């Protein structure tokens, strides 16, 4: 995995019943790399997930305070990363799955509700063409909070 040093550790510290609110710090490390020009797939997956999750969940879980300057950028960054990878996602079941699922859960967080609902449906259709049995939870093994979250979702029978 090509992620900035410390990201997986911060993500892992957030997982479980005794998790710490470290995800905002992990997101900031990823965003520094993105802003410096890193366009790696793994970085993009974690960055989109963390932007979405930080918008969705409260500060006591994530460490993202509404007064944090990053809070204002989360939706913009999610869309910027999505736009950069959108043409490559068509043959990437994992990307289709995670972006589509996030859009399915809370399209209003990502921008225009109708646009993101439509994308979610399109991504689900395409992802299921590529992976008719669904995505295997093992794909997400040892990939921090990102992996923990989506492995759990992938275990849902007949889920997204």
N, C-alpha and C. Protein backbone atom coordinates (compact mmCIF):
# COMPACT_ATOMS: atom_id res chain seq x y z
N UNK A 1 0.84 -1.19 0.00
CA UNK A 1 0.00 0.00 0.00
C UNK A 1 0.87 1.24 0.00
N UNK A 2 0.49 2.17 -0.80
CA UNK A 2 1.22 3.43 -0.88
C UNK A 2 0.44 4.53 -0.19
N UNK A 3 0.54 4.54 1.12
CA UNK A 3 -0.11 5.56 1.93
C UNK A 3 0.95 6.29 2.75
N UNK A 4 0.71 7.55 3.07
CA UNK A 4 1.66 8.27 3.92
C UNK A 4 1.88 7.53 5.24
N UNK A 5 3.09 7.61 5.72
CA UNK A 5 3.46 6.98 6.97
C UNK A 5 2.52 7.43 8.09
N UNK A 6 2.00 6.48 8.82
CA UNK A 6 1.17 6.77 9.97
C UNK A 6 -0.33 6.71 9.70
N UNK A 7 -0.75 6.69 8.44
CA UNK A 7 -2.19 6.70 8.14
C UNK A 7 -2.86 5.43 8.65
N UNK A 8 -2.32 4.28 8.31
CA UNK A 8 -2.94 3.02 8.74
C UNK A 8 -2.94 2.92 10.26
N UNK A 9 -1.87 3.35 10.90
CA UNK A 9 -1.83 3.32 12.36
C UNK A 9 -2.94 4.19 12.96
N UNK A 10 -3.12 5.40 12.42
CA UNK A 10 -4.19 6.27 12.91
C UNK A 10 -5.56 5.67 12.64
N UNK A 11 -5.73 5.08 11.45
CA UNK A 11 -7.01 4.44 11.14
C UNK A 11 -7.27 3.27 12.09
N UNK A 12 -6.25 2.46 12.31
CA UNK A 12 -6.42 1.29 13.20
C UNK A 12 -6.75 1.70 14.63
N UNK A 13 -6.20 2.81 15.07
CA UNK A 13 -6.47 3.28 16.44
C UNK A 13 -7.93 3.68 16.62
N UNK A 14 -8.63 3.95 15.52
CA UNK A 14 -10.02 4.37 15.61
C UNK A 14 -11.00 3.20 15.68
N UNK A 15 -10.53 2.00 15.37
CA UNK A 15 -11.40 0.83 15.22
C UNK A 15 -11.64 0.14 16.57
N UNK A 16 -12.84 -0.37 16.73
CA UNK A 16 -13.15 -1.19 17.90
C UNK A 16 -13.82 -0.43 19.02
N UNK A 17 -14.21 -1.15 20.07
CA UNK A 17 -14.95 -0.54 21.17
C UNK A 17 -14.14 0.49 21.96
N UNK A 18 -12.84 0.43 21.89
CA UNK A 18 -12.00 1.39 22.59
C UNK A 18 -11.27 2.30 21.62
N UNK A 19 -11.88 2.48 20.45
CA UNK A 19 -11.27 3.30 19.40
C UNK A 19 -11.10 4.75 19.83
N UNK A 20 -10.12 5.36 19.22
CA UNK A 20 -9.80 6.76 19.50
C UNK A 20 -10.24 7.62 18.31
N UNK A 21 -10.56 8.89 18.53
CA UNK A 21 -10.97 9.78 17.44
C UNK A 21 -9.76 10.30 16.64
N UNK A 22 -9.18 9.42 15.83
CA UNK A 22 -7.94 9.73 15.11
C UNK A 22 -8.13 9.88 13.60
N UNK A 23 -9.36 9.74 13.11
CA UNK A 23 -9.56 9.73 11.67
C UNK A 23 -9.33 11.08 11.00
N UNK A 24 -9.62 12.17 11.70
CA UNK A 24 -9.36 13.49 11.13
C UNK A 24 -7.87 13.67 10.88
N UNK A 25 -7.05 13.20 11.81
CA UNK A 25 -5.59 13.30 11.62
C UNK A 25 -5.14 12.47 10.44
N UNK A 26 -5.71 11.27 10.28
CA UNK A 26 -5.36 10.42 9.13
C UNK A 26 -5.76 11.11 7.83
N UNK A 27 -6.93 11.72 7.82
CA UNK A 27 -7.41 12.41 6.62
C UNK A 27 -6.47 13.57 6.25
N UNK A 28 -6.01 14.30 7.24
CA UNK A 28 -5.10 15.42 6.98
C UNK A 28 -3.79 14.94 6.35
N UNK A 29 -3.28 13.81 6.80
CA UNK A 29 -2.06 13.25 6.19
C UNK A 29 -2.31 12.86 4.74
N UNK A 30 -3.45 12.24 4.48
CA UNK A 30 -3.79 11.86 3.11
C UNK A 30 -3.97 13.09 2.23
N UNK A 31 -4.62 14.10 2.77
CA UNK A 31 -4.86 15.31 2.00
C UNK A 31 -3.56 16.04 1.67
N UNK A 32 -2.61 16.02 2.59
CA UNK A 32 -1.30 16.62 2.29
C UNK A 32 -0.66 15.93 1.10
N UNK A 33 -0.75 14.61 1.05
CA UNK A 33 -0.18 13.87 -0.08
C UNK A 33 -0.94 14.17 -1.36
N UNK A 34 -2.26 14.20 -1.27
CA UNK A 34 -3.08 14.52 -2.45
C UNK A 34 -2.73 15.92 -2.97
N UNK A 35 -2.66 16.88 -2.07
CA UNK A 35 -2.33 18.26 -2.47
C UNK A 35 -0.93 18.37 -3.05
N UNK A 36 -0.04 17.46 -2.65
CA UNK A 36 1.34 17.45 -3.18
C UNK A 36 1.43 16.70 -4.51
N UNK A 37 0.30 16.18 -5.00
CA UNK A 37 0.30 15.54 -6.32
C UNK A 37 0.23 14.03 -6.33
N UNK A 38 0.16 13.38 -5.16
CA UNK A 38 0.05 11.91 -5.12
C UNK A 38 -1.34 11.52 -5.61
N UNK A 39 -1.38 10.70 -6.62
CA UNK A 39 -2.66 10.26 -7.19
C UNK A 39 -2.80 8.74 -7.17
N UNK A 40 -2.26 8.13 -6.14
CA UNK A 40 -2.34 6.68 -6.01
C UNK A 40 -3.76 6.21 -5.71
N UNK A 41 -4.08 5.06 -6.22
CA UNK A 41 -5.42 4.48 -6.04
C UNK A 41 -5.74 4.26 -4.56
N UNK A 42 -4.82 3.67 -3.81
CA UNK A 42 -5.07 3.37 -2.40
C UNK A 42 -5.27 4.66 -1.62
N UNK A 43 -4.46 5.66 -1.90
CA UNK A 43 -4.62 6.95 -1.25
C UNK A 43 -6.01 7.51 -1.57
N UNK A 44 -6.43 7.41 -2.81
CA UNK A 44 -7.73 7.93 -3.22
C UNK A 44 -8.87 7.22 -2.49
N UNK A 45 -8.79 5.90 -2.39
CA UNK A 45 -9.85 5.15 -1.70
C UNK A 45 -9.97 5.57 -0.24
N UNK A 46 -8.84 5.66 0.44
CA UNK A 46 -8.86 6.05 1.86
C UNK A 46 -9.30 7.50 2.02
N UNK A 47 -8.85 8.37 1.12
CA UNK A 47 -9.21 9.79 1.23
C UNK A 47 -10.70 9.99 0.99
N UNK A 48 -11.27 9.36 -0.02
CA UNK A 48 -12.71 9.49 -0.24
C UNK A 48 -13.49 8.95 0.95
N UNK A 49 -13.08 7.78 1.43
CA UNK A 49 -13.76 7.19 2.59
C UNK A 49 -13.71 8.14 3.79
N UNK A 50 -12.52 8.64 4.10
CA UNK A 50 -12.40 9.49 5.29
C UNK A 50 -13.15 10.81 5.12
N UNK A 51 -13.13 11.40 3.93
CA UNK A 51 -13.92 12.62 3.72
C UNK A 51 -15.39 12.34 3.99
N UNK A 52 -15.89 11.25 3.42
CA UNK A 52 -17.29 10.88 3.61
C UNK A 52 -17.59 10.59 5.09
N UNK A 53 -16.77 9.79 5.71
CA UNK A 53 -17.00 9.38 7.09
C UNK A 53 -16.94 10.57 8.04
N UNK A 54 -16.01 11.49 7.80
CA UNK A 54 -15.89 12.67 8.65
C UNK A 54 -17.09 13.59 8.51
N UNK A 55 -17.72 13.60 7.33
CA UNK A 55 -18.95 14.38 7.16
C UNK A 55 -20.13 13.69 7.83
N UNK A 56 -20.10 12.37 7.87
CA UNK A 56 -21.23 11.56 8.34
C UNK A 56 -21.29 11.41 9.85
N UNK A 57 -20.16 11.19 10.48
CA UNK A 57 -20.12 10.82 11.89
C UNK A 57 -19.68 11.99 12.78
N UNK A 58 -20.04 11.95 14.06
CA UNK A 58 -19.73 13.04 14.98
C UNK A 58 -18.26 13.09 15.40
N UNK A 59 -17.88 14.24 15.88
CA UNK A 59 -16.49 14.51 16.26
C UNK A 59 -15.97 13.55 17.33
N UNK A 60 -16.81 13.11 18.25
CA UNK A 60 -16.30 12.22 19.30
C UNK A 60 -15.86 10.87 18.74
N UNK A 61 -16.30 10.53 17.53
CA UNK A 61 -15.83 9.30 16.87
C UNK A 61 -14.66 9.56 15.93
N UNK A 62 -14.66 10.73 15.31
CA UNK A 62 -13.70 10.99 14.22
C UNK A 62 -12.57 11.94 14.58
N UNK A 63 -12.82 12.83 15.54
CA UNK A 63 -11.83 13.86 15.85
C UNK A 63 -11.97 15.09 14.96
N UNK A 64 -12.99 15.14 14.11
CA UNK A 64 -13.19 16.28 13.21
C UNK A 64 -14.13 17.28 13.86
N UNK A 65 -13.59 18.38 14.26
CA UNK A 65 -14.40 19.45 14.84
C UNK A 65 -14.95 20.33 13.71
N UNK A 66 -16.15 20.84 13.88
CA UNK A 66 -16.75 21.68 12.83
C UNK A 66 -15.94 22.95 12.61
N UNK A 67 -15.18 23.37 13.59
CA UNK A 67 -14.37 24.58 13.45
C UNK A 67 -13.07 24.32 12.68
N UNK A 68 -12.75 23.06 12.44
CA UNK A 68 -11.53 22.70 11.71
C UNK A 68 -11.66 23.14 10.25
N UNK A 69 -10.64 23.79 9.73
CA UNK A 69 -10.67 24.25 8.33
C UNK A 69 -10.91 23.10 7.35
N UNK A 70 -10.46 21.92 7.68
CA UNK A 70 -10.66 20.77 6.81
C UNK A 70 -12.14 20.44 6.63
N UNK A 71 -12.94 20.69 7.65
CA UNK A 71 -14.37 20.37 7.59
C UNK A 71 -15.04 21.02 6.39
N UNK A 72 -14.60 22.21 6.03
CA UNK A 72 -15.17 22.94 4.90
C UNK A 72 -14.75 22.35 3.56
N UNK A 73 -13.70 21.58 3.53
CA UNK A 73 -13.16 21.03 2.27
C UNK A 73 -13.60 19.61 1.97
N UNK A 74 -14.20 18.92 2.91
CA UNK A 74 -14.43 17.49 2.77
C UNK A 74 -15.24 17.13 1.52
N UNK A 75 -16.35 17.79 1.30
CA UNK A 75 -17.16 17.47 0.13
C UNK A 75 -16.42 17.80 -1.17
N UNK A 76 -15.74 18.92 -1.18
CA UNK A 76 -14.98 19.33 -2.37
C UNK A 76 -13.89 18.31 -2.68
N UNK A 77 -13.16 17.89 -1.66
CA UNK A 77 -12.08 16.92 -1.86
C UNK A 77 -12.64 15.58 -2.33
N UNK A 78 -13.72 15.11 -1.70
CA UNK A 78 -14.33 13.86 -2.14
C UNK A 78 -14.64 13.93 -3.64
N UNK A 79 -15.27 15.00 -4.07
CA UNK A 79 -15.65 15.14 -5.48
C UNK A 79 -14.45 15.30 -6.39
N UNK A 80 -13.41 15.97 -5.93
CA UNK A 80 -12.18 16.13 -6.71
C UNK A 80 -11.52 14.77 -6.95
N UNK A 81 -11.43 13.97 -5.91
CA UNK A 81 -10.82 12.65 -6.03
C UNK A 81 -11.69 11.77 -6.92
N UNK A 82 -12.99 11.81 -6.70
CA UNK A 82 -13.91 11.04 -7.55
C UNK A 82 -13.75 11.42 -9.01
N UNK A 83 -13.74 12.69 -9.29
CA UNK A 83 -13.61 13.16 -10.68
C UNK A 83 -12.31 12.66 -11.30
N UNK A 84 -11.23 12.70 -10.56
CA UNK A 84 -9.94 12.26 -11.08
C UNK A 84 -9.99 10.77 -11.47
N UNK A 85 -10.68 9.96 -10.68
CA UNK A 85 -10.70 8.51 -10.91
C UNK A 85 -11.93 8.01 -11.67
N UNK A 86 -12.90 8.86 -11.95
CA UNK A 86 -14.17 8.40 -12.49
C UNK A 86 -14.03 7.62 -13.79
N UNK A 87 -13.16 8.02 -14.67
CA UNK A 87 -13.02 7.29 -15.94
C UNK A 87 -12.34 5.94 -15.76
N UNK A 88 -11.56 5.78 -14.70
CA UNK A 88 -10.88 4.51 -14.44
C UNK A 88 -11.70 3.54 -13.59
N UNK A 89 -12.74 4.04 -12.98
CA UNK A 89 -13.54 3.21 -12.09
C UNK A 89 -14.35 2.15 -12.82
N UNK A 90 -14.60 2.35 -14.08
CA UNK A 90 -15.52 1.49 -14.83
C UNK A 90 -15.14 0.00 -14.78
N UNK A 91 -13.87 -0.30 -14.62
CA UNK A 91 -13.41 -1.68 -14.54
C UNK A 91 -12.79 -2.03 -13.20
N UNK A 92 -13.13 -1.28 -12.18
CA UNK A 92 -12.57 -1.47 -10.84
C UNK A 92 -13.70 -1.75 -9.86
N UNK A 93 -14.02 -3.05 -9.64
CA UNK A 93 -15.17 -3.36 -8.78
C UNK A 93 -15.06 -2.79 -7.37
N UNK A 94 -13.86 -2.73 -6.82
CA UNK A 94 -13.74 -2.18 -5.46
C UNK A 94 -14.10 -0.71 -5.43
N UNK A 95 -13.57 0.05 -6.36
CA UNK A 95 -13.89 1.48 -6.38
C UNK A 95 -15.38 1.70 -6.63
N UNK A 96 -15.94 0.96 -7.58
CA UNK A 96 -17.37 1.08 -7.85
C UNK A 96 -18.18 0.75 -6.59
N UNK A 97 -17.77 -0.30 -5.90
CA UNK A 97 -18.47 -0.73 -4.69
C UNK A 97 -18.41 0.34 -3.61
N UNK A 98 -17.22 0.80 -3.26
CA UNK A 98 -17.11 1.70 -2.11
C UNK A 98 -17.71 3.07 -2.41
N UNK A 99 -17.45 3.62 -3.58
CA UNK A 99 -18.02 4.93 -3.90
C UNK A 99 -19.53 4.82 -4.04
N UNK A 100 -19.99 3.76 -4.72
CA UNK A 100 -21.42 3.58 -4.87
C UNK A 100 -22.13 3.37 -3.54
N UNK A 101 -21.53 2.61 -2.65
CA UNK A 101 -22.15 2.37 -1.35
C UNK A 101 -22.21 3.66 -0.54
N UNK A 102 -21.13 4.43 -0.52
CA UNK A 102 -21.16 5.70 0.21
C UNK A 102 -22.25 6.61 -0.34
N UNK A 103 -22.36 6.65 -1.67
CA UNK A 103 -23.39 7.48 -2.31
C UNK A 103 -24.78 6.95 -2.01
N UNK A 104 -24.92 5.64 -1.91
CA UNK A 104 -26.22 5.04 -1.59
C UNK A 104 -26.66 5.37 -0.17
N UNK A 105 -25.72 5.36 0.76
CA UNK A 105 -26.03 5.61 2.17
C UNK A 105 -26.40 7.07 2.42
N UNK A 106 -25.67 7.98 1.80
CA UNK A 106 -25.90 9.41 2.09
C UNK A 106 -25.54 10.28 0.88
N UNK A 107 -26.34 10.23 -0.17
CA UNK A 107 -26.01 11.01 -1.37
C UNK A 107 -25.96 12.52 -1.13
N UNK A 108 -26.78 13.02 -0.23
CA UNK A 108 -26.82 14.45 0.06
C UNK A 108 -25.50 14.98 0.61
N UNK A 109 -24.71 14.11 1.24
CA UNK A 109 -23.42 14.56 1.78
C UNK A 109 -22.42 14.88 0.67
N UNK A 110 -22.60 14.26 -0.48
CA UNK A 110 -21.59 14.32 -1.53
C UNK A 110 -21.84 15.41 -2.56
N UNK A 111 -22.99 16.04 -2.50
CA UNK A 111 -23.34 17.08 -3.46
C UNK A 111 -24.80 16.97 -3.82
N UNK A 112 -25.10 17.09 -5.10
CA UNK A 112 -26.47 17.01 -5.57
C UNK A 112 -27.04 15.62 -5.30
N UNK A 113 -28.13 15.58 -4.57
CA UNK A 113 -28.74 14.31 -4.15
C UNK A 113 -29.10 13.44 -5.36
N UNK A 114 -29.75 14.00 -6.36
CA UNK A 114 -30.16 13.23 -7.53
C UNK A 114 -28.96 12.69 -8.30
N UNK A 115 -27.94 13.52 -8.45
CA UNK A 115 -26.73 13.10 -9.17
C UNK A 115 -26.08 11.91 -8.48
N UNK A 116 -25.93 12.00 -7.16
CA UNK A 116 -25.26 10.94 -6.44
C UNK A 116 -26.11 9.68 -6.30
N UNK A 117 -27.43 9.83 -6.23
CA UNK A 117 -28.30 8.64 -6.25
C UNK A 117 -28.15 7.90 -7.57
N UNK A 118 -28.15 8.66 -8.64
CA UNK A 118 -28.00 8.08 -9.98
C UNK A 118 -26.65 7.38 -10.13
N UNK A 119 -25.61 8.03 -9.66
CA UNK A 119 -24.28 7.40 -9.72
C UNK A 119 -24.25 6.12 -8.90
N UNK A 120 -24.86 6.16 -7.73
CA UNK A 120 -24.88 4.97 -6.88
C UNK A 120 -25.53 3.80 -7.62
N UNK A 121 -26.64 4.04 -8.25
CA UNK A 121 -27.32 2.99 -9.01
C UNK A 121 -26.47 2.49 -10.17
N UNK A 122 -25.85 3.42 -10.88
CA UNK A 122 -24.98 3.06 -12.01
C UNK A 122 -23.77 2.26 -11.53
N UNK A 123 -23.16 2.68 -10.44
CA UNK A 123 -21.98 1.99 -9.92
C UNK A 123 -22.34 0.60 -9.41
N UNK A 124 -23.52 0.49 -8.78
CA UNK A 124 -23.94 -0.83 -8.31
C UNK A 124 -24.16 -1.77 -9.50
N UNK A 125 -24.83 -1.30 -10.53
CA UNK A 125 -25.07 -2.13 -11.71
C UNK A 125 -23.75 -2.60 -12.31
N UNK A 126 -22.81 -1.69 -12.47
CA UNK A 126 -21.53 -2.03 -13.10
C UNK A 126 -20.70 -2.94 -12.18
N UNK A 127 -20.67 -2.63 -10.90
CA UNK A 127 -19.91 -3.46 -9.97
C UNK A 127 -20.46 -4.88 -9.96
N UNK A 128 -21.79 -5.04 -10.01
CA UNK A 128 -22.39 -6.38 -10.00
C UNK A 128 -22.15 -7.11 -11.33
N UNK A 129 -21.95 -6.37 -12.41
CA UNK A 129 -21.54 -7.02 -13.67
C UNK A 129 -20.15 -7.62 -13.53
N UNK A 130 -19.27 -6.88 -12.86
CA UNK A 130 -17.89 -7.32 -12.68
C UNK A 130 -17.74 -8.35 -11.57
N UNK A 131 -18.59 -8.27 -10.56
CA UNK A 131 -18.52 -9.18 -9.40
C UNK A 131 -19.94 -9.64 -9.05
N UNK A 132 -20.51 -10.55 -9.84
CA UNK A 132 -21.91 -10.95 -9.64
C UNK A 132 -22.22 -11.49 -8.24
N UNK A 133 -21.25 -12.10 -7.59
CA UNK A 133 -21.47 -12.65 -6.25
C UNK A 133 -21.21 -11.61 -5.15
N UNK A 134 -20.85 -10.42 -5.55
CA UNK A 134 -20.53 -9.37 -4.59
C UNK A 134 -19.03 -9.33 -4.33
N UNK A 135 -18.64 -8.35 -3.60
CA UNK A 135 -17.22 -8.19 -3.29
C UNK A 135 -16.89 -9.02 -2.05
N UNK A 136 -15.74 -9.65 -2.06
CA UNK A 136 -15.33 -10.49 -0.92
C UNK A 136 -14.78 -9.61 0.21
N UNK A 137 -15.20 -9.85 1.44
CA UNK A 137 -14.69 -9.07 2.57
C UNK A 137 -13.16 -9.13 2.68
N UNK A 138 -12.55 -10.23 2.26
CA UNK A 138 -11.10 -10.37 2.35
C UNK A 138 -10.33 -9.34 1.56
N UNK A 139 -10.98 -8.73 0.57
CA UNK A 139 -10.34 -7.68 -0.22
C UNK A 139 -9.88 -6.54 0.68
N UNK A 140 -10.56 -6.36 1.80
CA UNK A 140 -10.32 -5.21 2.67
C UNK A 140 -9.43 -5.53 3.87
N UNK A 141 -8.90 -6.73 3.93
CA UNK A 141 -8.07 -7.16 5.07
C UNK A 141 -6.83 -6.28 5.24
N UNK A 142 -6.56 -5.91 6.47
CA UNK A 142 -5.36 -5.14 6.84
C UNK A 142 -5.28 -3.78 6.15
N UNK A 143 -6.43 -3.14 5.99
CA UNK A 143 -6.45 -1.85 5.31
C UNK A 143 -7.07 -0.76 6.18
N UNK A 144 -6.82 -0.85 7.49
CA UNK A 144 -7.22 0.20 8.41
C UNK A 144 -8.73 0.32 8.58
N UNK A 145 -9.15 1.50 8.99
CA UNK A 145 -10.57 1.78 9.20
C UNK A 145 -11.34 1.62 7.90
N UNK A 146 -10.75 2.06 6.81
CA UNK A 146 -11.35 1.88 5.49
C UNK A 146 -11.69 0.40 5.28
N UNK A 147 -10.72 -0.45 5.47
CA UNK A 147 -10.91 -1.88 5.27
C UNK A 147 -11.91 -2.47 6.25
N UNK A 148 -11.83 -2.05 7.50
CA UNK A 148 -12.75 -2.55 8.52
C UNK A 148 -14.19 -2.20 8.18
N UNK A 149 -14.41 -0.96 7.78
CA UNK A 149 -15.76 -0.51 7.46
C UNK A 149 -16.33 -1.29 6.27
N UNK A 150 -15.58 -1.35 5.19
CA UNK A 150 -16.13 -1.98 3.98
C UNK A 150 -16.14 -3.51 4.05
N UNK A 151 -15.25 -4.10 4.83
CA UNK A 151 -15.34 -5.56 5.04
C UNK A 151 -16.64 -5.88 5.75
N UNK A 152 -17.00 -5.07 6.73
CA UNK A 152 -18.27 -5.26 7.43
C UNK A 152 -19.45 -5.11 6.50
N UNK A 153 -19.42 -4.13 5.65
CA UNK A 153 -20.50 -3.93 4.69
C UNK A 153 -20.57 -5.09 3.69
N UNK A 154 -19.41 -5.58 3.27
CA UNK A 154 -19.36 -6.67 2.28
C UNK A 154 -19.92 -7.97 2.84
N UNK A 155 -19.97 -8.10 4.15
CA UNK A 155 -20.52 -9.31 4.78
C UNK A 155 -22.05 -9.33 4.80
N UNK A 156 -22.67 -8.22 4.51
CA UNK A 156 -24.14 -8.14 4.51
C UNK A 156 -24.66 -8.96 3.33
N UNK A 157 -25.44 -9.97 3.63
CA UNK A 157 -25.98 -10.85 2.59
C UNK A 157 -26.90 -10.02 1.67
N UNK A 158 -26.62 -10.14 0.39
CA UNK A 158 -27.37 -9.40 -0.64
C UNK A 158 -27.32 -7.89 -0.42
N UNK A 159 -26.23 -7.43 0.20
CA UNK A 159 -26.05 -5.99 0.43
C UNK A 159 -25.79 -5.26 -0.88
N UNK A 160 -25.39 -4.07 -0.77
CA UNK A 160 -25.18 -3.19 -1.92
C UNK A 160 -24.72 -3.99 -3.13
